[in-house]
Amino acid sequence: MVVGVDFGTLSGRAVVVRVSDGAELGTAEYAYPHGVITDRLPGTAGDLEPETALQHPRDYEEVLRNAVPEALRLAGVRPGRVAGIGTDFTSCTFLPVTADGTPLCLLPGLADRPHAWPKLWRHHAAQPEADEVTALAAERGEPWLARYGGRISSEWQFAKALQVLRDDPDVYARADRWIEAADWIVWRLCGAETRNTSTAGYKGLYQDGRWPSREYLAALDPRMADFARERLDHPLSPPGTRAGGLTAEAAAWTGLPEGTPVAVGAIDAHVTAAAAGTTGPGRMLAIMGTSTCLVMNSDVRAVVPGMCGLVRDGITPDAWGYEAGQSGVGDIFGWFADTHVPPDYHEEARGLGVSVHELLSRRAAGAPVGAHGLVALDWHSGNRSVLVDHSLSGLLAGTTLATRPEEVYRALVEATAFGARTIVEAFTGAGVPVHDLTVAGGMVRNPFVLQVYADVLGLPLRIAATEHGSALGAAVHGAVAAGLYPDLHTASAAMARVRPDPVEPDPAATAAYEELFTVYTELHDHFGRGGSDALHRLRALRNGARAAAPAARGGGPR
């Protein structure tokens, strides 16, 4: 048996897995008590600046104390039978720590300093710094820039660190190390710092054995010249490597034996490839949840516009790992259902014993393609790929007084499918073949969403036969780290879980979607590629007004 632990955006999940076939024997989830910190820090009254998204590191530890023992109990598995444990994390979730790994927000006098807290992946307040990182790299002709599609995201390490340096230089100075949460949680488990190739490459701009140069960083800000060397640099370990064994403290938390092998840290989307059987070249995986991450191994190295990264050994050893993504998917559907759907829909859903999402999906599914007369842009959380611009926002075009909630819901689902198609076409257009597409994540529960994606993409969708793909993938990594399989490909072949029947596209629907996709592309390029900066101006007005409002009340961000 092995254990996989998936640290998500709102909760952590542990799963106990049988090594021979990947069967999930017990699963437990623990919701983070502090969730996503967006408005104010715990115990404080000051408002945080717009686009802030922080988390509490103690929540992560509580997952180990609660979810792992409960999963073992539900599985009926004695702890001594567990041969290894693997973990995965949202990325880039990035935090400043002391030399012994203590998060700065836990130190006396720093709990009220926002920049001392872990910055969640969807912290987008560092967009100006990301633009600066990108512009300087382009000006200097930095060779690594092309491997990120020519744009550096506000979600990534250097943009976030630069924001801290500019906004709170004292916090910046007090951080001995800056570390991805994926590596920090392994530090807590093993008692020693380790770093993985995936987060370093995709989120830390580490390419060809080097971080961005000292000269580049000094040009970015002289105080940041030694940031990579002093606060990031550490030997890197590829996916599936053994990081160490559980400390006595971590063993007490989890209930597992001290010394149990622990896999090096990993990105949630990347470990899911092992759970979905997509470690081979050209097998694209879309992990669809609150956001979507699209990952794929290839034996082709090419520049794909707007990709999130290209890293050797990034997903599995000995392959080029590509990553792209969409910042909002399930979050968009949830926002609409929670804030824009009338009460009578919610009442009807309760009466039927279904979620409001299922009710909206049922109502939307029966309409012909295009009958709503709507097209949306799926940028409610910005655009990760292919524009790499988190200052963008969502758009809905074509509404009339006859537009119904289920029609808007369908347009939002279609918009995310159009966004996924835009990404796939960017890969194929750059000469990186996509042979097939597999879907994992929470959206595998919604047949309507899956059918829309198959129709829009015109591709059969293989569906992961687990709702816990990241946790299962982490367990696969744990099996390799424990020496139970020689490599991730072999382990994936044995432990991956995929439904036998794919979701097939409806040829008539695929043809009908061509015109809608053409309109989507026109709006995408107009608002995203310079035809109009209206969405950027609206975002700036919004953020400026929100920042001014607390100041007028005598409060405001620190």
Protein backbone atom coordinates (compact mmCIF):
# COMPACT_ATOMS: atom_id res chain seq x y z
CA MET A 1 0.00 0.00 0.00
CA VAL A 2 1.00 3.61 -0.57
CA VAL A 3 -0.53 6.93 0.46
CA GLY A 4 -0.99 9.98 -1.73
CA VAL A 5 -1.79 13.42 -0.32
CA ASP A 6 -3.12 16.16 -2.58
CA PHE A 7 -2.98 19.74 -1.27
CA GLY A 8 -5.57 21.68 -3.26
CA THR A 9 -6.87 25.23 -3.24
CA LEU A 10 -9.51 24.79 -0.53
CA SER A 11 -8.71 21.43 1.03
CA GLY A 12 -6.30 18.55 1.24
CA ARG A 13 -7.13 14.94 0.42
CA ALA A 14 -5.41 11.70 1.35
CA VAL A 15 -5.95 8.39 -0.43
CA VAL A 16 -4.71 4.90 0.41
CA VAL A 17 -3.87 3.01 -2.77
CA ARG A 18 -3.13 -0.61 -3.60
CA VAL A 19 0.19 -0.78 -5.41
CA SER A 20 -0.66 -3.65 -7.73
CA ASP A 21 -3.53 -1.97 -9.59
CA GLY A 22 -4.07 1.56 -8.24
CA ALA A 23 -7.33 0.70 -6.48
CA GLU A 24 -8.31 3.41 -3.99
CA LEU A 25 -9.08 1.74 -0.67
CA GLY A 26 -9.81 4.76 1.49
CA THR A 27 -10.09 8.51 0.97
CA ALA A 28 -10.44 11.40 3.40
CA GLU A 29 -10.63 15.14 2.86
CA TYR A 30 -9.82 18.01 5.23
CA ALA A 31 -11.06 21.51 4.44
CA TYR A 32 -8.59 24.28 5.24
CA PRO A 33 -10.07 26.23 8.20
CA HIS A 34 -8.74 29.50 6.79
CA GLY A 35 -9.54 28.71 3.14
CA VAL A 36 -8.18 31.33 0.76
CA ILE A 37 -7.30 34.59 2.53
CA THR A 38 -8.37 37.42 0.23
CA ASP A 39 -9.88 40.20 2.36
CA ARG A 40 -7.97 40.40 5.64
CA LEU A 41 -5.42 38.42 7.59
CA PRO A 42 -6.58 36.23 10.48
CA GLY A 43 -7.09 38.35 13.59
CA THR A 44 -6.60 41.68 11.82
CA ALA A 45 -8.93 44.41 10.56
CA GLY A 46 -6.90 45.87 7.69
CA ASP A 47 -8.08 45.16 4.15
CA LEU A 48 -5.75 43.35 1.78
CA GLU A 49 -5.03 44.83 -1.63
CA PRO A 50 -7.04 43.60 -4.63
CA GLU A 51 -5.94 40.35 -6.32
CA THR A 52 -4.38 39.03 -3.08
CA ALA A 53 -4.72 35.30 -2.33
CA LEU A 54 -2.90 33.92 0.71
CA GLN A 55 -3.08 30.78 2.83
CA HIS A 56 -2.27 29.62 6.34
CA PRO A 57 0.59 27.09 6.56
CA ARG A 58 -0.92 25.45 9.63
CA ASP A 59 -3.85 24.36 7.45
CA TYR A 60 -1.45 22.24 5.41
CA GLU A 61 -0.11 20.50 8.51
CA GLU A 62 -3.64 19.79 9.69
CA VAL A 63 -4.25 17.80 6.50
CA LEU A 64 -1.47 15.44 7.58
CA ARG A 65 -2.90 15.18 11.10
CA ASN A 66 -6.48 14.58 10.00
CA ALA A 67 -6.86 13.29 6.44
CA VAL A 68 -4.08 10.69 6.44
CA PRO A 69 -5.14 8.85 9.64
CA GLU A 70 -8.79 8.99 8.55
CA ALA A 71 -8.00 7.56 5.10
CA LEU A 72 -6.09 4.71 6.76
CA ARG A 73 -9.03 4.05 9.08
CA LEU A 74 -11.55 4.01 6.23
CA ALA A 75 -9.30 1.73 4.18
CA GLY A 76 -8.92 -0.69 7.07
CA VAL A 77 -5.16 -0.70 6.44
CA ARG A 78 -2.63 -1.04 9.23
CA PRO A 79 -0.04 1.78 9.04
CA GLY A 80 2.81 -0.73 8.96
CA ARG A 81 1.60 -1.99 5.56
CA VAL A 82 2.20 1.43 3.94
CA ALA A 83 5.42 1.30 1.94
CA GLY A 84 5.63 4.94 0.85
CA ILE A 85 3.93 8.32 0.69
CA GLY A 86 3.81 10.94 -2.04
CA THR A 87 2.45 14.49 -2.00
CA ASP A 88 1.45 17.10 -4.53
CA PHE A 89 0.60 20.77 -4.25
CA THR A 90 -0.96 23.66 -6.10
CA SER A 91 1.71 25.60 -7.91
CA CYS A 92 2.98 28.24 -7.75
CA THR A 93 2.12 28.49 -4.04
CA PHE A 94 5.20 30.18 -2.68
CA LEU A 95 6.30 31.16 0.82
CA PRO A 96 9.18 32.90 2.63
CA VAL A 97 10.75 30.86 5.44
CA THR A 98 13.65 30.91 7.87
CA ALA A 99 16.69 28.66 7.51
CA ASP A 100 14.91 25.89 9.43
CA GLY A 101 11.77 26.14 7.28
CA THR A 102 9.57 28.18 9.62
CA PRO A 103 7.12 30.33 7.63
CA LEU A 104 7.66 34.00 8.40
CA CYS A 105 3.97 34.55 9.15
CA LEU A 106 4.37 32.31 12.22
CA LEU A 107 7.15 34.44 13.72
CA PRO A 108 6.39 36.97 16.47
CA GLY A 109 5.58 40.39 15.03
CA LEU A 110 5.00 39.22 11.46
CA ALA A 111 1.47 37.79 11.58
CA ASP A 112 0.02 41.14 10.49
CA ARG A 113 2.35 41.52 7.50
CA PRO A 114 0.62 40.18 4.35
CA HIS A 115 3.87 39.45 2.53
CA ALA A 116 5.01 37.11 5.31
CA TRP A 117 2.23 34.68 4.37
CA PRO A 118 2.21 31.96 1.68
CA LYS A 119 1.02 33.34 -1.64
CA LEU A 120 -1.45 30.97 -3.25
CA TRP A 121 -1.10 30.18 -6.96
CA ARG A 122 -3.98 32.52 -7.75
CA HIS A 123 -2.37 35.52 -6.04
CA HIS A 124 -2.37 37.92 -9.02
CA ALA A 125 -1.39 41.15 -7.27
CA ALA A 126 2.13 40.82 -8.71
CA GLN A 127 1.04 41.48 -12.31
CA PRO A 128 3.08 44.73 -12.59
CA GLU A 129 6.16 42.85 -11.40
CA ALA A 130 5.46 40.01 -13.85
CA ASP A 131 5.28 42.54 -16.67
CA GLU A 132 8.61 43.97 -15.54
CA VAL A 133 10.24 40.52 -15.37
CA THR A 134 9.00 39.82 -18.91
CA ALA A 135 9.99 43.20 -20.39
CA LEU A 136 13.53 43.08 -19.02
CA ALA A 137 14.03 39.48 -20.20
CA ALA A 138 12.86 40.46 -23.69
CA GLU A 139 15.08 43.54 -23.73
CA ARG A 140 18.14 41.51 -22.70
CA GLY A 141 17.31 38.57 -24.98
CA GLU A 142 17.27 36.10 -22.10
CA PRO A 143 17.20 32.63 -23.70
CA TRP A 144 14.81 31.15 -21.11
CA LEU A 145 11.96 33.51 -21.95
CA ALA A 146 10.90 31.60 -25.07
CA ARG A 147 10.32 28.45 -23.03
CA TYR A 148 7.51 30.26 -21.22
CA GLY A 149 5.75 31.41 -24.35
CA GLY A 150 7.37 34.84 -24.12
CA ARG A 151 5.40 35.95 -21.02
CA ILE A 152 6.08 35.43 -17.31
CA SER A 153 3.03 34.97 -15.11
CA SER A 154 2.17 36.95 -12.00
CA GLU A 155 1.59 33.57 -10.33
CA TRP A 156 5.26 32.62 -10.48
CA GLN A 157 8.18 32.87 -8.09
CA PHE A 158 10.14 35.86 -9.34
CA ALA A 159 7.12 38.12 -9.79
CA LYS A 160 5.89 37.34 -6.28
CA ALA A 161 9.31 37.77 -4.69
CA LEU A 162 9.83 41.07 -6.49
CA GLN A 163 6.48 42.31 -5.21
CA VAL A 164 7.52 41.49 -1.64
CA LEU A 165 10.86 43.24 -2.11
CA ARG A 166 9.13 46.37 -3.40
CA ASP A 167 6.22 46.41 -0.93
CA ASP A 168 7.85 45.10 2.27
CA PRO A 169 11.65 44.95 2.02
CA ASP A 170 11.95 44.00 5.69
CA VAL A 171 9.98 40.77 5.12
CA TYR A 172 12.06 40.11 2.02
CA ALA A 173 15.27 40.53 4.03
CA ARG A 174 14.10 38.26 6.83
CA ALA A 175 13.42 35.33 4.48
CA ASP A 176 16.43 33.00 4.47
CA ARG A 177 14.75 30.81 1.87
CA TRP A 178 11.83 31.11 -0.55
CA ILE A 179 10.21 27.80 -1.30
CA GLU A 180 7.30 26.25 -3.12
CA ALA A 181 4.71 24.75 -0.78
CA ALA A 182 5.25 21.49 -2.68
CA ASP A 183 8.79 21.37 -1.30
CA TRP A 184 7.93 22.92 2.06
CA ILE A 185 5.48 20.15 2.97
CA VAL A 186 8.12 17.53 2.14
CA TRP A 187 10.53 19.47 4.37
CA ARG A 188 7.96 19.12 7.18
CA LEU A 189 7.64 15.40 6.50
CA CYS A 190 11.33 14.56 6.17
CA GLY A 191 13.02 17.22 8.30
CA ALA A 192 15.34 18.34 5.49
CA GLU A 193 15.02 20.74 2.60
CA THR A 194 14.64 19.25 -0.87
CA ARG A 195 13.69 20.84 -4.19
CA ASN A 196 12.06 19.29 -7.25
CA THR A 197 12.81 19.90 -10.92
CA SER A 198 9.18 20.64 -11.79
CA THR A 199 8.48 23.69 -9.63
CA ALA A 200 12.00 25.02 -10.21
CA GLY A 201 11.58 24.76 -13.96
CA TYR A 202 7.96 25.75 -14.48
CA LYS A 203 7.61 28.39 -11.77
CA GLY A 204 11.21 29.40 -10.99
CA LEU A 205 12.61 29.91 -14.53
CA TYR A 206 15.30 27.26 -13.97
CA GLN A 207 16.50 26.08 -17.39
CA ASP A 208 19.50 24.12 -18.64
CA GLY A 209 20.96 23.80 -15.16
CA ARG A 210 20.79 27.51 -14.32
CA TRP A 211 18.59 30.08 -12.65
CA PRO A 212 18.24 33.50 -14.25
CA SER A 213 21.67 35.12 -14.06
CA ARG A 214 22.88 37.42 -11.32
CA GLU A 215 23.29 40.13 -13.94
CA TYR A 216 19.67 39.84 -15.01
CA LEU A 217 18.42 39.90 -11.43
CA ALA A 218 20.58 42.90 -10.57
CA ALA A 219 19.13 44.75 -13.55
CA LEU A 220 15.65 43.82 -12.32
CA ASP A 221 16.47 45.26 -8.88
CA PRO A 222 19.98 45.53 -7.39
CA ARG A 223 18.71 44.20 -4.06
CA MET A 224 17.60 41.02 -5.83
CA ALA A 225 20.95 40.19 -7.43
CA ASP A 226 21.63 37.19 -5.20
CA PHE A 227 18.04 36.06 -4.77
CA ALA A 228 18.39 32.83 -6.75
CA ARG A 229 21.81 31.90 -5.35
CA GLU A 230 20.97 32.61 -1.71
CA ARG A 231 17.27 31.89 -1.39
CA LEU A 232 16.39 29.33 -4.07
CA ASP A 233 19.46 27.35 -5.06
CA HIS A 234 19.54 23.72 -3.92
CA PRO A 235 20.18 20.37 -5.63
CA LEU A 236 17.10 19.41 -7.65
CA SER A 237 15.48 15.98 -7.73
CA PRO A 238 13.39 14.62 -10.64
CA PRO A 239 9.84 13.29 -10.20
CA GLY A 240 9.52 10.01 -8.33
CA THR A 241 12.78 10.43 -6.42
CA ARG A 242 12.96 9.54 -2.72
CA ALA A 243 13.30 12.71 -0.64
CA GLY A 244 13.88 10.92 2.66
CA GLY A 245 11.89 9.21 5.38
CA LEU A 246 9.22 10.39 7.78
CA THR A 247 10.54 12.06 10.90
CA ALA A 248 9.24 10.97 14.30
CA GLU A 249 7.10 14.12 14.42
CA ALA A 250 5.60 13.54 10.97
CA ALA A 251 5.04 9.88 11.80
CA ALA A 252 3.03 10.95 14.85
CA TRP A 253 0.95 13.30 12.70
CA THR A 254 0.13 10.76 10.02
CA GLY A 255 0.10 7.55 12.02
CA LEU A 256 2.61 6.02 9.61
CA PRO A 257 5.87 4.41 10.73
CA GLU A 258 8.91 6.61 11.20
CA GLY A 259 11.24 6.31 8.21
CA THR A 260 8.46 5.60 5.67
CA PRO A 261 9.87 6.69 2.27
CA VAL A 262 8.62 10.07 1.03
CA ALA A 263 8.67 11.18 -2.62
CA VAL A 264 10.03 14.60 -3.55
CA GLY A 265 7.50 17.38 -3.95
CA ALA A 266 5.44 17.61 -7.11
CA ILE A 267 2.90 19.80 -8.88
CA ASP A 268 -0.69 18.57 -8.63
CA ALA A 269 -1.36 18.57 -12.37
CA HIS A 270 1.89 16.80 -13.15
CA VAL A 271 1.42 13.84 -10.82
CA THR A 272 -2.04 13.32 -12.31
CA ALA A 273 -0.39 12.23 -15.56
CA ALA A 274 0.73 9.08 -13.78
CA ALA A 275 -2.81 8.46 -12.52
CA ALA A 276 -4.33 8.95 -15.97
CA GLY A 277 -1.86 6.92 -18.02
CA THR A 278 -0.60 9.91 -19.99
CA THR A 279 3.14 9.77 -19.32
CA GLY A 280 3.89 8.88 -22.96
CA PRO A 281 4.62 11.51 -25.65
CA GLY A 282 1.73 13.39 -27.24
CA ARG A 283 -0.83 12.34 -24.63
CA MET A 284 -2.31 15.60 -23.37
CA LEU A 285 -3.98 15.65 -19.98
CA ALA A 286 -6.48 18.32 -18.89
CA ILE A 287 -6.96 18.45 -15.13
CA MET A 288 -10.24 20.32 -14.83
CA GLY A 289 -11.26 21.71 -11.48
CA THR A 290 -11.41 25.26 -10.17
CA SER A 291 -8.87 25.95 -12.90
CA THR A 292 -7.51 23.74 -15.67
CA CYS A 293 -3.94 22.68 -16.19
CA LEU A 294 -2.96 21.00 -19.46
CA VAL A 295 0.22 18.96 -19.38
CA MET A 296 1.93 16.71 -21.89
CA ASN A 297 5.21 14.92 -22.42
CA SER A 298 6.85 15.09 -25.83
CA ASP A 299 10.03 14.08 -27.55
CA VAL A 300 9.77 17.35 -29.52
CA ARG A 301 11.22 20.59 -28.16
CA ALA A 302 9.55 23.64 -29.66
CA VAL A 303 8.41 27.14 -28.75
CA VAL A 304 4.64 27.10 -28.18
CA PRO A 305 3.11 30.59 -27.87
CA GLY A 306 1.64 31.28 -24.45
CA MET A 307 2.59 28.00 -22.81
CA CYS A 308 3.29 28.02 -19.08
CA GLY A 309 6.58 26.27 -19.45
CA LEU A 310 8.77 23.72 -21.17
CA VAL A 311 11.01 21.75 -18.82
CA ARG A 312 13.22 18.75 -19.32
CA ASP A 313 12.33 16.09 -16.70
CA GLY A 314 9.45 18.32 -15.66
CA ILE A 315 6.67 15.69 -15.64
CA THR A 316 8.64 12.47 -15.94
CA PRO A 317 12.38 11.95 -16.34
CA ASP A 318 13.87 11.87 -19.83
CA ALA A 319 11.11 13.82 -21.62
CA TRP A 320 10.21 17.40 -22.43
CA GLY A 321 7.26 18.33 -20.26
CA TYR A 322 4.89 21.01 -21.54
CA GLU A 323 2.39 22.89 -19.39
CA ALA A 324 -0.40 25.28 -20.30
CA GLY A 325 -3.49 26.27 -18.39
CA GLN A 326 -6.67 28.20 -17.80
CA SER A 327 -6.90 30.28 -14.62
CA GLY A 328 -10.64 29.85 -14.21
CA VAL A 329 -12.97 26.97 -15.10
CA GLY A 330 -14.94 25.46 -12.23
CA ASP A 331 -14.45 28.73 -10.36
CA ILE A 332 -16.35 30.50 -13.16
CA PHE A 333 -19.23 28.04 -13.08
CA GLY A 334 -19.35 28.28 -9.29
CA TRP A 335 -19.30 32.09 -9.34
CA PHE A 336 -22.24 32.20 -11.74
CA ALA A 337 -24.28 29.59 -9.86
CA ASP A 338 -23.66 31.28 -6.50
CA THR A 339 -24.25 34.89 -7.54
CA HIS A 340 -26.40 35.04 -10.67
CA VAL A 341 -28.85 32.14 -10.55
CA PRO A 342 -32.32 33.06 -9.17
CA PRO A 343 -33.55 31.51 -5.91
CA ASP A 344 -36.27 29.49 -7.66
CA TYR A 345 -33.57 27.52 -9.54
CA HIS A 346 -31.90 26.65 -6.24
CA GLU A 347 -35.25 25.64 -4.77
CA GLU A 348 -36.02 23.43 -7.77
CA ALA A 349 -32.59 21.80 -7.52
CA ARG A 350 -33.14 21.05 -3.83
CA GLY A 351 -36.55 19.59 -4.62
CA LEU A 352 -34.99 17.29 -7.21
CA GLY A 353 -32.16 16.34 -4.89
CA VAL A 354 -29.48 17.64 -7.27
CA SER A 355 -27.01 20.51 -7.28
CA VAL A 356 -27.87 23.73 -9.06
CA HIS A 357 -25.00 22.90 -11.46
CA GLU A 358 -26.74 19.66 -12.42
CA LEU A 359 -30.03 21.47 -12.92
CA LEU A 360 -28.42 24.11 -15.13
CA SER A 361 -26.60 21.41 -17.07
CA ARG A 362 -29.81 19.46 -17.68
CA ARG A 363 -31.62 22.55 -18.92
CA ALA A 364 -28.73 23.66 -21.11
CA ALA A 365 -27.99 20.26 -22.66
CA GLY A 366 -31.16 20.03 -24.73
CA ALA A 367 -30.69 23.25 -26.71
CA PRO A 368 -29.15 23.34 -30.20
CA VAL A 369 -25.63 24.73 -30.52
CA GLY A 370 -25.79 28.51 -30.81
CA ALA A 371 -29.47 28.81 -29.85
CA HIS A 372 -28.57 31.09 -26.94
CA GLY A 373 -26.84 33.60 -29.24
CA LEU A 374 -24.03 34.06 -26.72
CA VAL A 375 -20.25 33.95 -26.62
CA ALA A 376 -18.22 34.47 -23.45
CA LEU A 377 -14.54 35.04 -22.76
CA ASP A 378 -13.32 32.78 -19.94
CA TRP A 379 -11.01 35.32 -18.30
CA HIS A 380 -12.74 35.84 -14.97
CA SER A 381 -9.45 34.92 -13.27
CA GLY A 382 -7.31 36.33 -16.06
CA ASN A 383 -5.78 34.37 -18.92
CA ARG A 384 -2.98 31.90 -18.21
CA SER A 385 -2.64 30.54 -21.76
CA VAL A 386 -2.14 31.61 -24.44
CA LEU A 387 -2.11 35.30 -23.52
CA VAL A 388 -0.49 35.00 -20.05
CA ASP A 389 -2.25 38.12 -18.79
CA HIS A 390 -3.98 38.17 -15.42
CA SER A 391 -5.14 41.76 -15.86
CA LEU A 392 -7.81 40.56 -18.26
CA SER A 393 -11.37 39.86 -17.13
CA GLY A 394 -14.41 37.97 -18.35
CA LEU A 395 -16.88 39.05 -20.99
CA LEU A 396 -20.36 37.93 -22.07
CA ALA A 397 -21.64 39.03 -25.47
CA GLY A 398 -25.06 38.60 -27.07
CA THR A 399 -27.42 38.86 -24.10
CA THR A 400 -31.03 39.94 -24.59
CA LEU A 401 -34.01 40.33 -22.26
CA ALA A 402 -34.91 36.74 -23.17
CA THR A 403 -31.57 35.26 -22.05
CA ARG A 404 -32.02 32.58 -19.40
CA PRO A 405 -29.59 31.48 -16.64
CA GLU A 406 -29.02 28.06 -18.21
CA GLU A 407 -28.06 29.75 -21.48
CA VAL A 408 -25.44 31.89 -19.77
CA TYR A 409 -24.21 28.81 -17.92
CA ARG A 410 -23.82 26.96 -21.21
CA ALA A 411 -21.99 29.92 -22.76
CA LEU A 412 -19.54 29.91 -19.85
CA VAL A 413 -18.92 26.18 -20.22
CA GLU A 414 -18.42 26.65 -23.97
CA ALA A 415 -16.01 29.55 -23.34
CA THR A 416 -13.74 27.36 -21.24
CA ALA A 417 -13.89 24.68 -23.96
CA PHE A 418 -12.99 27.31 -26.58
CA GLY A 419 -10.07 28.34 -24.36
CA ALA A 420 -8.89 24.73 -24.21
CA ARG A 421 -9.17 24.44 -28.00
CA THR A 422 -7.12 27.62 -28.41
CA ILE A 423 -4.37 26.00 -26.34
CA VAL A 424 -4.46 22.70 -28.26
CA GLU A 425 -4.24 24.57 -31.55
CA ALA A 426 -1.27 26.55 -30.26
CA PHE A 427 0.56 23.26 -29.63
CA THR A 428 -0.28 21.68 -32.96
CA GLY A 429 0.47 24.92 -34.79
CA ALA A 430 3.95 24.96 -33.23
CA GLY A 431 4.69 21.44 -34.45
CA VAL A 432 4.07 19.63 -31.16
CA PRO A 433 1.60 16.84 -31.94
CA VAL A 434 -1.32 16.12 -29.62
CA HIS A 435 -2.35 12.51 -30.17
CA ASP A 436 -5.22 12.31 -27.69
CA LEU A 437 -6.78 14.12 -24.75
CA THR A 438 -7.59 12.77 -21.29
CA VAL A 439 -9.66 14.61 -18.69
CA ALA A 440 -9.22 14.31 -14.94
CA GLY A 441 -10.31 16.38 -11.95
CA GLY A 442 -13.65 17.37 -10.51
CA MET A 443 -15.29 18.05 -13.87
CA VAL A 444 -15.35 14.34 -14.74
CA ARG A 445 -18.57 14.29 -12.65
CA ASN A 446 -20.44 16.49 -15.16
CA PRO A 447 -21.39 14.66 -18.39
CA PHE A 448 -22.69 17.88 -19.96
CA VAL A 449 -19.36 19.65 -19.56
CA LEU A 450 -17.48 16.65 -20.95
CA GLN A 451 -19.74 16.45 -24.00
CA VAL A 452 -19.34 20.16 -24.74
CA TYR A 453 -15.55 19.76 -24.60
CA ALA A 454 -15.60 16.73 -26.90
CA ASP A 455 -17.83 18.58 -29.37
CA VAL A 456 -15.82 21.82 -29.32
CA LEU A 457 -12.48 20.05 -29.64
CA GLY A 458 -13.73 17.46 -32.09
CA LEU A 459 -11.77 14.82 -30.18
CA PRO A 460 -12.71 11.74 -28.16
CA LEU A 461 -12.06 12.37 -24.47
CA ARG A 462 -10.51 9.65 -22.36
CA ILE A 463 -11.80 10.05 -18.81
CA ALA A 464 -9.83 9.28 -15.68
CA ALA A 465 -11.72 6.75 -13.58
CA THR A 466 -11.05 8.61 -10.36
CA GLU A 467 -12.18 11.88 -8.88
CA HIS A 468 -8.92 12.04 -6.95
CA GLY A 469 -6.44 12.03 -9.80
CA SER A 470 -3.82 14.18 -8.10
CA ALA A 471 -3.91 12.17 -4.87
CA LEU A 472 -3.70 8.91 -6.84
CA GLY A 473 -0.84 10.33 -8.90
CA ALA A 474 0.97 11.35 -5.72
CA ALA A 475 0.57 7.78 -4.50
CA VAL A 476 2.10 6.51 -7.76
CA HIS A 477 5.08 8.79 -7.12
CA GLY A 478 5.26 7.42 -3.60
CA ALA A 479 5.38 3.87 -4.97
CA VAL A 480 8.32 4.73 -7.21
CA ALA A 481 10.11 6.56 -4.39
CA ALA A 482 9.68 3.45 -2.23
CA GLY A 483 11.31 1.29 -4.93
CA LEU A 484 8.15 -0.68 -5.70
CA TYR A 485 8.41 0.19 -9.41
CA PRO A 486 11.55 1.10 -11.38
CA ASP A 487 10.12 4.29 -12.92
CA LEU A 488 6.97 6.37 -13.34
CA HIS A 489 6.07 4.90 -16.72
CA THR A 490 6.02 1.36 -15.33
CA ALA A 491 4.13 2.42 -12.22
CA SER A 492 1.59 4.36 -14.28
CA ALA A 493 0.99 1.38 -16.58
CA ALA A 494 0.01 -0.68 -13.54
CA MET A 495 -1.76 1.90 -11.36
CA ALA A 496 -3.46 4.37 -13.75
CA ARG A 497 -7.26 4.40 -13.72
CA VAL A 498 -9.15 5.29 -16.95
CA ARG A 499 -12.76 4.62 -17.94
CA PRO A 500 -13.07 2.01 -20.71
CA ASP A 501 -15.28 4.15 -22.96
CA PRO A 502 -14.28 7.67 -24.07
CA VAL A 503 -16.72 10.54 -24.59
CA GLU A 504 -17.15 10.76 -28.36
CA PRO A 505 -17.83 14.07 -30.14
CA ASP A 506 -21.11 14.56 -32.01
CA PRO A 507 -20.01 15.44 -35.58
CA ALA A 508 -23.02 17.73 -36.13
CA ALA A 509 -22.33 19.64 -32.93
CA THR A 510 -18.63 19.89 -33.76
CA ALA A 511 -19.49 21.45 -37.12
CA ALA A 512 -21.98 23.82 -35.52
CA TYR A 513 -19.42 25.02 -32.99
CA GLU A 514 -17.07 26.27 -35.73
CA GLU A 515 -18.92 29.56 -36.15
CA LEU A 516 -19.14 30.19 -32.41
CA PHE A 517 -15.43 29.44 -32.06
CA THR A 518 -14.71 31.93 -34.83
CA VAL A 519 -16.58 34.62 -32.89
CA TYR A 520 -14.76 33.61 -29.69
CA THR A 521 -11.42 33.92 -31.48
CA GLU A 522 -12.32 37.37 -32.81
CA LEU A 523 -13.20 38.61 -29.32
CA HIS A 524 -10.18 36.79 -27.84
CA ASP A 525 -7.77 38.55 -30.18
CA HIS A 526 -9.52 41.93 -30.05
CA PHE A 527 -9.52 42.22 -26.27
CA GLY A 528 -6.44 40.09 -25.60
CA ARG A 529 -3.99 41.03 -28.34
CA GLY A 530 -4.24 44.80 -28.51
CA GLY A 531 -7.39 45.58 -30.46
CA SER A 532 -8.81 47.19 -27.32
CA ASP A 533 -7.41 47.73 -23.85
CA ALA A 534 -10.91 48.19 -22.38
CA LEU A 535 -10.65 45.15 -20.09
CA HIS A 536 -7.31 46.31 -18.72
CA ARG A 537 -8.72 49.78 -18.07
CA LEU A 538 -11.77 48.37 -16.31
CA ARG A 539 -9.56 46.18 -14.09
CA ALA A 540 -7.39 49.18 -13.23
CA LEU A 541 -10.45 51.29 -12.38
CA ARG A 542 -11.83 48.51 -10.20
CA ASN A 543 -8.61 47.98 -8.30
CA GLY A 544 -8.05 51.70 -7.85
CA ALA A 545 -11.55 52.24 -6.47
CA ARG A 546 -11.26 49.29 -4.11
CA ALA A 547 -7.87 50.40 -2.86
CA ALA A 548 -9.17 53.92 -2.22
CA ALA A 549 -12.33 52.83 -0.40
CA PRO A 550 -10.69 51.43 2.78
CA ALA A 551 -8.32 54.39 2.90
CA ALA A 552 -11.34 56.69 3.02
CA ARG A 553 -12.56 54.71 6.04
CA GLY A 554 -9.25 55.12 7.78
CA GLY A 555 -8.06 51.59 7.05
CA GLY A 556 -6.28 50.13 4.07
CA PRO A 557 -3.67 47.57 3.17
CA ARG A 558 -0.50 47.52 5.22
